[in-house]
Protein backbone atom coordinates (compact mmCIF):
# COMPACT_ATOMS: atom_id res chain seq x y z
CA MET A 1 -23.26 12.41 23.26
CA ILE A 2 -20.23 10.34 23.85
CA GLU A 3 -17.18 11.69 24.22
CA PHE A 4 -14.98 11.58 21.07
CA LYS A 5 -11.61 10.17 23.57
CA SER A 6 -14.15 7.17 24.75
CA LEU A 7 -15.87 6.64 21.19
CA LEU A 8 -11.63 7.43 19.70
CA SER A 9 -9.68 4.42 22.36
CA SER A 10 -12.71 1.88 22.26
CA LEU A 11 -12.84 1.82 18.25
CA PHE A 12 -9.10 1.57 18.09
CA GLU A 13 -8.38 -1.17 20.99
CA LYS A 14 -5.45 -2.46 19.03
CA SER A 15 -1.92 -1.43 19.59
CA TYR A 16 -0.79 0.09 16.24
CA SER A 17 2.90 0.90 14.51
CA SER A 18 2.21 4.38 11.96
CA ASP A 19 2.15 2.08 8.92
CA GLU A 20 -0.03 -0.55 10.37
CA TYR A 21 -2.70 1.90 11.19
CA LEU A 22 -2.97 3.43 8.15
CA LEU A 23 -3.19 0.35 6.24
CA ASP A 24 -6.16 -1.27 8.61
CA LEU A 25 -7.48 2.51 8.23
CA ALA A 26 -7.44 2.53 4.31
CA MET A 27 -9.49 -0.91 4.33
CA LYS A 28 -12.14 0.93 5.30
CA ASP A 29 -15.00 2.57 3.08
CA VAL A 30 -14.13 5.87 1.90
CA GLY A 31 -16.92 8.56 1.43
CA VAL A 32 -16.78 11.99 0.28
CA PHE A 33 -18.86 14.84 0.85
CA LEU A 34 -19.46 18.82 1.20
CA ASP A 35 -18.36 20.48 4.17
CA LYS A 36 -21.02 22.69 4.36
CA LYS A 37 -18.83 25.52 6.84
CA LYS A 38 -15.87 25.47 4.60
CA GLY A 39 -17.68 24.83 1.40
CA VAL A 40 -15.36 22.29 0.05
CA LEU A 41 -15.14 18.59 -0.37
CA LYS A 42 -14.21 15.98 2.60
CA TYR A 43 -12.71 12.76 1.62
CA GLY A 44 -12.42 9.95 5.10
CA PHE A 45 -12.54 6.90 6.38
CA LEU A 46 -16.55 5.32 7.69
CA LEU A 47 -15.21 4.78 11.25
CA ALA A 48 -18.81 3.94 12.72
CA ASN A 49 -22.63 4.29 12.87
CA LEU A 50 -24.81 7.32 15.31
CA SER A 51 -28.09 4.63 16.44
CA GLN A 52 -30.76 6.20 18.64
CA LYS A 53 -31.92 3.68 20.82
CA GLU A 54 -34.30 5.39 24.02
CA GLY A 55 -32.54 8.84 24.20
CA PHE A 56 -29.77 7.69 24.24
CA GLU A 57 -26.62 7.72 21.52
CA GLN A 58 -24.28 4.74 20.95
CA PHE A 59 -21.80 4.57 18.11
CA ILE A 60 -21.86 1.35 16.44
CA PRO A 61 -18.70 0.15 13.79
CA TYR A 62 -19.13 0.85 10.30
CA ASP A 63 -19.09 -2.32 9.15
CA ALA A 64 -20.99 -4.37 11.88
CA GLU A 65 -22.94 -6.61 9.84
CA PRO A 66 -26.77 -6.24 9.93
CA ASP A 67 -27.41 -9.63 11.94
CA SER A 68 -24.64 -8.14 14.98
CA ILE A 69 -25.92 -7.20 18.36
CA PHE A 70 -25.02 -3.94 17.73
CA ALA A 71 -26.97 -3.23 14.33
CA THR A 72 -30.16 -4.40 15.36
CA LYS A 73 -32.15 -1.70 14.44
CA ARG A 74 -30.37 -0.66 11.53
CA LYS A 75 -33.41 2.11 10.70
CA ASP A 76 -32.31 4.15 13.23
CA ILE A 77 -29.20 4.62 11.53
CA GLU A 78 -29.04 7.98 10.28
CA ARG A 79 -25.49 9.73 10.80
CA VAL A 80 -21.96 8.71 10.71
CA LEU A 81 -18.93 9.08 11.83
CA VAL A 82 -15.86 10.36 9.44
CA GLN A 83 -12.84 10.47 10.08
CA CYS A 84 -11.01 12.97 7.36
CA PRO A 85 -6.82 12.51 7.84
CA PHE A 86 -4.48 14.48 6.69
CA SER A 87 -0.59 15.36 6.04
CA LYS A 88 1.06 18.12 7.72
CA ILE A 89 4.63 18.41 8.13
CA ASN A 90 5.74 19.30 12.19
CA GLU A 91 7.35 21.87 13.29
CA ASN A 92 11.42 19.63 12.96
CA GLY A 93 10.55 19.00 9.42
CA PHE A 94 9.20 15.92 9.26
CA GLN A 95 5.58 14.82 8.04
CA GLU A 96 3.12 13.37 10.27
CA ILE A 97 -1.05 11.97 10.15
CA GLU A 98 -3.26 14.35 11.64
CA SER A 99 -7.29 13.90 11.54
CA GLU A 100 -10.02 15.98 11.94
CA PHE A 101 -13.59 14.30 12.72
CA HIS A 102 -17.12 14.72 11.04
CA ILE A 103 -20.64 13.36 12.17
CA ILE A 104 -22.58 13.78 8.43
CA SER A 105 -25.98 12.20 8.23
CA ARG A 106 -25.65 9.50 5.41
CA ARG A 107 -27.31 12.02 3.45
CA GLN A 108 -24.81 13.89 2.81
CA ILE A 109 -22.04 11.35 1.56
CA SER A 110 -22.39 12.14 -2.13
CA TRP A 111 -20.65 9.26 -3.54
CA MET A 112 -18.43 5.96 -1.90
CA LEU A 113 -15.62 3.68 -2.59
CA GLN A 114 -16.24 0.65 -0.81
CA PHE A 115 -13.98 -2.82 -0.67
CA ASP A 116 -15.58 -5.82 -2.56
CA PRO A 117 -12.69 -7.89 -3.47
CA GLU A 118 -14.68 -9.48 -6.96
CA LEU A 119 -15.40 -5.22 -8.01
CA ILE A 120 -11.63 -4.80 -7.77
CA LEU A 121 -10.72 -8.14 -9.96
CA SER A 122 -12.80 -7.17 -12.07
CA ALA A 123 -11.50 -3.49 -12.55
CA THR A 124 -8.56 -4.38 -12.97
CA GLN A 125 -8.88 -6.84 -16.07
CA ASN A 126 -11.15 -4.44 -17.81
CA THR A 127 -7.83 -2.13 -17.31
CA PHE A 128 -5.63 -4.39 -18.94
CA LYS A 129 -7.99 -5.30 -21.51
CA SER A 130 -8.20 -1.30 -22.09
CA LEU A 131 -4.64 -1.91 -22.49
CA LYS A 132 -4.57 -4.16 -25.04
CA ILE A 133 -2.96 -6.81 -22.38
CA THR A 134 -4.20 -10.32 -22.42
CA ASN A 135 -1.91 -12.36 -20.14
CA ASN A 136 -3.27 -14.55 -17.90
CA ILE A 137 -4.95 -12.77 -13.97
CA ARG A 138 -4.56 -14.45 -11.31
CA ARG A 139 -6.39 -12.88 -7.79
CA VAL A 140 -4.42 -13.50 -4.50
CA ASP A 141 -5.96 -13.47 -1.62
CA LYS A 142 -3.37 -12.81 1.33
CA ASN A 143 -1.45 -10.06 2.60
CA ASP A 144 1.69 -8.69 0.96
CA GLU A 145 2.94 -5.76 -0.05
CA ASN A 146 2.66 -6.28 -3.92
CA ILE A 147 -0.22 -4.11 -5.25
CA ILE A 148 -0.33 -5.79 -8.54
CA SER A 149 2.93 -8.14 -9.93
CA PHE A 150 4.25 -9.53 -13.22
CA ASP A 151 5.59 -12.83 -12.75
CA PRO A 152 8.91 -12.97 -15.87
CA ILE A 153 8.61 -16.94 -15.65
CA SER A 154 5.22 -17.72 -15.58
CA LYS A 155 4.25 -14.39 -17.53
CA GLU A 156 1.37 -14.18 -15.24
CA LEU A 157 -0.72 -11.13 -13.62
CA LEU A 158 -1.32 -11.71 -9.78
CA VAL A 159 -3.55 -8.71 -8.95
CA TYR A 160 -3.95 -8.55 -4.34
CA PRO A 161 -7.49 -7.03 -4.46
CA GLY A 162 -6.78 -6.16 -0.27
CA ALA A 163 -3.39 -4.06 -1.39
CA LEU A 164 -4.90 -2.57 -4.32
CA TYR A 165 -7.77 -1.40 -2.81
CA ALA A 166 -5.54 0.37 0.23
CA HIS A 167 -3.81 1.63 -2.13
CA LEU A 168 -7.21 2.98 -3.79
CA SER A 169 -8.43 4.81 -0.73
CA ARG A 170 -5.41 5.96 0.77
CA SER A 171 -4.79 8.21 -3.38
CA LEU A 172 -7.87 9.35 -3.24
CA VAL A 173 -8.02 10.45 0.90
CA PHE A 174 -4.37 11.81 0.82
CA SER A 175 -3.87 13.19 -3.01
CA ARG A 176 -7.59 12.96 -4.13
CA ILE A 177 -6.55 11.03 -7.36
CA ASN A 178 -10.05 9.32 -8.59
CA PRO A 179 -9.53 5.72 -8.28
CA SER A 180 -10.18 4.71 -11.78
CA ASP A 181 -7.05 6.84 -12.63
CA SER A 182 -4.98 5.00 -10.00
CA LEU A 183 -5.99 1.98 -11.12
CA LEU A 184 -4.76 2.64 -14.49
CA ILE A 185 -0.96 4.32 -13.60
CA VAL A 186 -0.28 0.85 -11.32
CA CYS A 187 -1.49 -1.13 -14.63
CA ALA A 188 0.33 0.92 -17.17
CA HIS A 189 3.25 0.53 -14.43
CA GLU A 190 3.12 -3.52 -14.97
CA VAL A 191 2.55 -3.20 -18.56
CA GLY A 192 5.63 -1.96 -18.95
CA HIS A 193 7.14 -4.64 -17.00
CA ILE A 194 5.59 -7.13 -19.78
CA LYS A 195 7.15 -4.98 -22.66
CA ASP A 196 10.34 -5.15 -20.61
CA VAL A 197 12.70 -6.71 -23.46
CA ASN A 198 15.80 -7.35 -20.91
CA LEU A 199 13.63 -8.37 -18.50
CA ASN A 200 11.76 -10.87 -20.17
CA LYS A 201 14.93 -12.88 -21.53
CA ASN A 202 16.89 -12.58 -18.54
CA ALA A 203 13.77 -14.03 -15.94
CA GLN A 204 15.57 -17.21 -14.98
CA GLU A 205 18.60 -15.38 -14.21
CA TYR A 206 17.29 -12.49 -12.50
CA ILE A 207 15.11 -15.08 -10.37
CA ASN A 208 18.29 -17.89 -9.75
CA LYS A 209 20.04 -14.81 -8.15
CA ILE A 210 17.95 -13.55 -5.85
CA GLU A 211 17.36 -17.25 -4.75
CA SER A 212 21.18 -17.67 -4.14
CA ILE A 213 21.23 -14.16 -2.35
CA ASN A 214 17.70 -15.43 0.09
CA GLU A 215 20.19 -18.60 0.83
CA ARG A 216 23.43 -16.87 1.71
CA LYS A 217 21.42 -14.24 3.93
CA TYR A 218 19.83 -17.76 5.46
CA ARG A 219 23.27 -18.96 6.17
CA MET A 220 24.40 -15.52 7.29
CA LYS A 221 21.54 -14.77 9.53
CA ASN A 222 23.32 -18.65 11.37
CA GLU A 223 26.50 -17.48 11.29
CA ASP A 224 27.49 -19.77 8.30
CA LEU A 225 29.33 -17.47 6.09
CA THR A 226 33.53 -16.77 6.11
CA LEU A 227 34.03 -12.69 5.60
CA LYS A 228 35.36 -13.26 2.41
CA GLU A 229 31.55 -14.95 1.39
CA LEU A 230 29.62 -12.13 3.37
CA LYS A 231 32.09 -9.56 1.55
CA GLN A 232 30.73 -11.19 -1.88
CA LEU A 233 27.29 -11.58 -0.92
CA ARG A 234 27.33 -7.47 -0.09
CA ALA A 235 28.66 -7.34 -3.62
CA ASP A 236 25.79 -9.04 -5.01
CA VAL A 237 22.91 -7.87 -3.21
CA LEU A 238 24.23 -4.06 -4.49
CA MET A 239 24.39 -5.71 -7.79
CA ILE A 240 20.41 -7.33 -7.99
CA ILE A 241 19.23 -3.99 -6.27
CA ALA A 242 20.42 -2.03 -9.02
CA GLU A 243 19.24 -4.40 -11.52
CA ASN A 244 16.25 -4.27 -10.33
CA GLN A 245 16.50 -0.21 -9.98
CA MET A 246 16.80 -0.52 -13.65
CA TYR A 247 13.46 -3.02 -14.26
CA GLU A 248 11.44 -0.42 -12.34
CA SER A 249 12.76 3.12 -14.27
CA THR A 250 12.50 0.94 -17.98
CA ALA A 251 8.91 0.47 -16.28
CA TRP A 252 7.90 3.58 -15.61
CA CYS A 253 9.03 5.28 -19.12
CA ILE A 254 7.28 2.22 -21.03
CA GLY A 255 4.10 2.81 -19.13
CA LYS A 256 3.73 6.30 -19.26
CA GLU A 257 3.45 6.17 -23.20
CA LEU A 258 0.16 4.45 -22.24
CA ILE A 259 -1.75 6.48 -20.87
CA PRO A 260 -3.22 9.81 -21.87
CA GLU A 261 -1.33 13.52 -21.53
CA SER A 262 -3.49 14.05 -18.42
CA LEU A 263 -2.19 11.92 -15.71
CA PHE A 264 1.49 12.83 -16.85
CA SER A 265 2.14 15.00 -13.31
CA VAL A 266 0.45 12.07 -11.35
CA TYR A 267 1.94 9.45 -12.59
CA ASP A 268 5.69 11.29 -13.12
CA TRP A 269 5.06 12.32 -9.13
CA TRP A 270 4.01 8.44 -8.00
CA SER A 271 6.92 7.17 -9.80
CA GLN A 272 9.13 9.04 -7.88
CA VAL A 273 7.63 8.37 -4.97
CA VAL A 274 7.83 4.95 -5.65
CA GLN A 275 11.13 4.67 -6.88
CA SER A 276 12.52 7.19 -3.84
CA SER A 277 11.10 4.71 -1.58
CA LYS A 278 13.50 1.41 -3.17
CA GLU A 279 16.36 3.77 -2.63
CA ILE A 280 19.43 1.44 -0.84
CA GLN A 281 18.77 1.36 2.85
CA PRO A 282 21.53 0.62 5.42
CA LEU A 283 22.24 -3.39 4.37
CA ASP A 284 21.77 -6.32 7.63
CA ILE A 285 25.39 -7.52 5.74
CA ASP A 286 27.27 -4.81 7.46
CA PHE A 287 26.57 -5.71 10.22
CA TYR A 288 27.65 -9.50 10.29
CA ILE A 289 30.65 -8.09 8.59
CA GLU A 290 31.60 -5.69 10.94
CA THR A 291 30.92 -8.82 13.63
CA LYS A 292 32.74 -10.91 11.53
CA LYS A 293 36.05 -8.53 11.64
CA TYR A 294 36.01 -7.86 15.52
CA LYS A 295 36.13 -11.43 16.26
CA LYS A 296 38.76 -12.25 13.63
CA THR A 297 40.58 -9.75 15.48
CA ARG A 298 40.00 -10.37 19.38
CA LEU A 299 41.24 -14.21 18.13
CA VAL A 300 44.92 -12.76 16.91
CA PRO A 301 47.45 -13.00 19.50
CA LYS A 302 48.94 -9.74 20.72
């Protein structure tokens, strides 16, 4: 049997940050199975197949193509390696991710969640239809922090299948939230934006403000703004953050009216997670302001 250490080093040859690692892991298929020893359901990402050939056991990447050199004889594959991650608070009070690994028979997997862009798009369309939304829905095949987003100018809904699947799989594995419930929560929130009268009325002005800020940030990085202009940019950024938080809060409130009461606690928990992640962080503008002040004082003759 190949040792786990050598197995994991061969599977994870890339160098990841923790966020990149979790995102990559979340793009893998999810399997749900019964841990017979503990009598509980386990949720994990399927990493590799275990093949026995000529008395030697080898691990084959779970997503290997059937015609690849590693997977020419799929009929001898009966077991699969599953990584079951879980959150844990360490001795310093910080949350970290740990994992336990299981080698199980394929027959033990009770059901699976698999990445299929067309299926995800279809499920999203059906969910919006159930919420009586008829806006055009466009699939966007690129990596983006967005899951689903509403464009208040074109009135389109943009769906990012990769990011959406990653969200659904992580919610299932870490929080045991059913994928259809997770999808309904995400869609209900976007409907909140669609129904937000203020967002739609001020959309063009809001976009113009963001474009102006981005243009000035570009100039800032080229040290092309005066101290006065930097301070005005900082004030404008804080205002647009506050305006965005208002739109987000409104969307969460409206969206909650569209889901069954049984999902209220999950919906409230998730809205708090999302909104707390968007709290104001130290602004990079402050560094440029302090640098400009320092240079100005250096120029003042003693």
